[in-house]
C-alpha atoms as a PDB file:
ATOM      1  CA  MET A   1      40.412 143.176  61.355  1.00  0.00           C
ATOM      2  CA  THR A   2      41.543 146.804  61.378  1.00  0.00           C
ATOM      3  CA  VAL A   3      44.419 148.420  60.169  1.00  0.00           C
ATOM      4  CA  LYS A   4      46.820 150.546  62.556  1.00  0.00           C
ATOM      5  CA  ILE A   5      48.196 153.817  61.307  1.00  0.00           C
ATOM      6  CA  THR A   6      49.858 156.535  63.128  1.00  0.00           C
ATOM      7  CA  THR A   7      47.538 159.117  64.854  1.00  0.00           C
ATOM      8  CA  PRO A   8      48.882 162.012  63.047  1.00  0.00           C
ATOM      9  CA  THR A   9      48.419 160.225  59.592  1.00  0.00           C
ATOM     10  CA  PHE A  10      44.884 159.398  60.857  1.00  0.00           C
ATOM     11  CA  LEU A  11      44.135 162.938  61.756  1.00  0.00           C
ATOM     12  CA  GLU A  12      45.552 164.275  58.310  1.00  0.00           C
ATOM     13  CA  ILE A  13      43.278 161.874  56.396  1.00  0.00           C
ATOM     14  CA  GLN A  14      40.273 162.827  58.624  1.00  0.00           C
ATOM     15  CA  SER A  15      40.844 166.494  58.048  1.00  0.00           C
ATOM     16  CA  GLN A  16      41.586 166.106  54.324  1.00  0.00           C
ATOM     17  CA  ILE A  17      38.266 164.181  53.616  1.00  0.00           C
ATOM     18  CA  ALA A  18      36.321 166.537  55.864  1.00  0.00           C
ATOM     19  CA  GLU A  19      37.366 169.484  53.799  1.00  0.00           C
ATOM     20  CA  TRP A  20      36.752 167.752  50.646  1.00  0.00           C
ATOM     21  CA  LEU A  21      33.064 166.859  51.940  1.00  0.00           C
ATOM     22  CA  MET A  22      32.649 170.401  52.749  1.00  0.00           C
ATOM     23  CA  ILE A  23      33.804 171.708  49.296  1.00  0.00           C
ATOM     24  CA  SER A  24      31.710 168.967  47.567  1.00  0.00           C
ATOM     25  CA  GLU A  25      28.588 169.860  49.478  1.00  0.00           C
ATOM     26  CA  LEU A  26      28.868 173.560  49.611  1.00  0.00           C
ATOM     27  CA  GLY A  27      30.497 174.223  46.115  1.00  0.00           C
ATOM     28  CA  ASP A  28      33.739 176.046  45.511  1.00  0.00           C
ATOM     29  CA  GLU A  29      32.144 179.652  45.782  1.00  0.00           C
ATOM     30  CA  LYS A  30      30.135 179.108  49.007  1.00  0.00           C
ATOM     31  CA  TYR A  31      33.164 177.166  50.579  1.00  0.00           C
ATOM     32  CA  LYS A  32      35.490 180.362  49.801  1.00  0.00           C
ATOM     33  CA  THR A  33      32.902 182.439  51.964  1.00  0.00           C
ATOM     34  CA  MET A  34      33.670 180.165  54.985  1.00  0.00           C
ATOM     35  CA  LEU A  35      37.526 180.971  55.024  1.00  0.00           C
ATOM     36  CA  VAL A  36      39.210 184.099  56.485  1.00  0.00           C
ATOM     37  CA  LYS A  37      42.630 184.733  55.146  1.00  0.00           C
ATOM     38  CA  THR A  38      45.176 186.816  57.394  1.00  0.00           C
ATOM     39  CA  GLU A  39      48.539 187.660  56.513  1.00  0.00           C
ATOM     40  CA  ASP A  40      50.166 184.212  57.355  1.00  0.00           C
ATOM     41  CA  GLU A  41      47.231 181.787  57.907  1.00  0.00           C
ATOM     42  CA  GLU A  42      43.747 180.759  56.703  1.00  0.00           C
ATOM     43  CA  ARG A  43      41.054 179.728  58.857  1.00  0.00           C
ATOM     44  CA  TYR A  44      37.383 178.805  58.730  1.00  0.00           C
ATOM     45  CA  THR A  45      34.691 181.376  59.848  1.00  0.00           C
ATOM     46  CA  ASP A  46      32.573 180.434  62.937  1.00  0.00           C
ATOM     47  CA  GLU A  47      29.904 178.850  60.614  1.00  0.00           C
ATOM     48  CA  GLY A  48      32.628 177.175  58.351  1.00  0.00           C
ATOM     49  CA  GLN A  49      34.210 175.863  61.583  1.00  0.00           C
ATOM     50  CA  ASP A  50      30.843 174.318  62.654  1.00  0.00           C
ATOM     51  CA  ILE A  51      30.431 172.656  59.377  1.00  0.00           C
ATOM     52  CA  PHE A  52      33.966 171.377  59.292  1.00  0.00           C
ATOM     53  CA  ASN A  53      33.773 169.911  62.725  1.00  0.00           C
ATOM     54  CA  ASP A  54      30.551 168.071  61.810  1.00  0.00           C
ATOM     55  CA  LYS A  55      32.083 166.578  58.812  1.00  0.00           C
ATOM     56  CA  TYR A  56      35.296 165.825  60.876  1.00  0.00           C
ATOM     57  CA  ASP A  57      33.390 163.963  63.436  1.00  0.00           C
ATOM     58  CA  ASP A  58      31.478 162.092  60.654  1.00  0.00           C
ATOM     59  CA  VAL A  59      34.863 161.132  58.926  1.00  0.00           C
ATOM     60  CA  GLU A  60      36.325 159.945  62.012  1.00  0.00           C
ATOM     61  CA  GLN A  61      33.343 157.461  62.715  1.00  0.00           C
ATOM     62  CA  PHE A  62      33.672 156.089  59.219  1.00  0.00           C
ATOM     63  CA  LEU A  63      37.564 155.728  59.414  1.00  0.00           C
ATOM     64  CA  LEU A  64      37.538 154.051  62.591  1.00  0.00           C
ATOM     65  CA  GLY A  65      35.559 151.217  60.915  1.00  0.00           C
ATOM     66  CA  TYR A  66      38.799 150.529  58.938  1.00  0.00           C
ATOM     67  CA  PHE A  67      41.634 152.042  60.795  1.00  0.00           C
ATOM     68  CA  GLU A  68      42.997 152.126  64.521  1.00  0.00           C
ATOM     69  CA  LYS A  69      44.970 155.140  65.755  1.00  0.00           C
ATOM     70  CA  GLU A  70      48.370 153.933  66.906  1.00  0.00           C
ATOM     71  CA  ASP A  71      50.102 156.199  69.417  1.00  0.00           C
END
């Protein structure tokens, strides 16, 4: 039996865990090199985005074993 949660909640959990995995695996210093800061936003470098995307996909597969996205 899976638990239904709202899609926005699912995506937020997925994103937070993916970021945590990146920081855990890369370490704080290396992780910081994957960020680009502008005046009003922070985003990943191309390399950082690729790593994040991989983690994001892995986390999604894991979470789908326990939760169902509810529209």
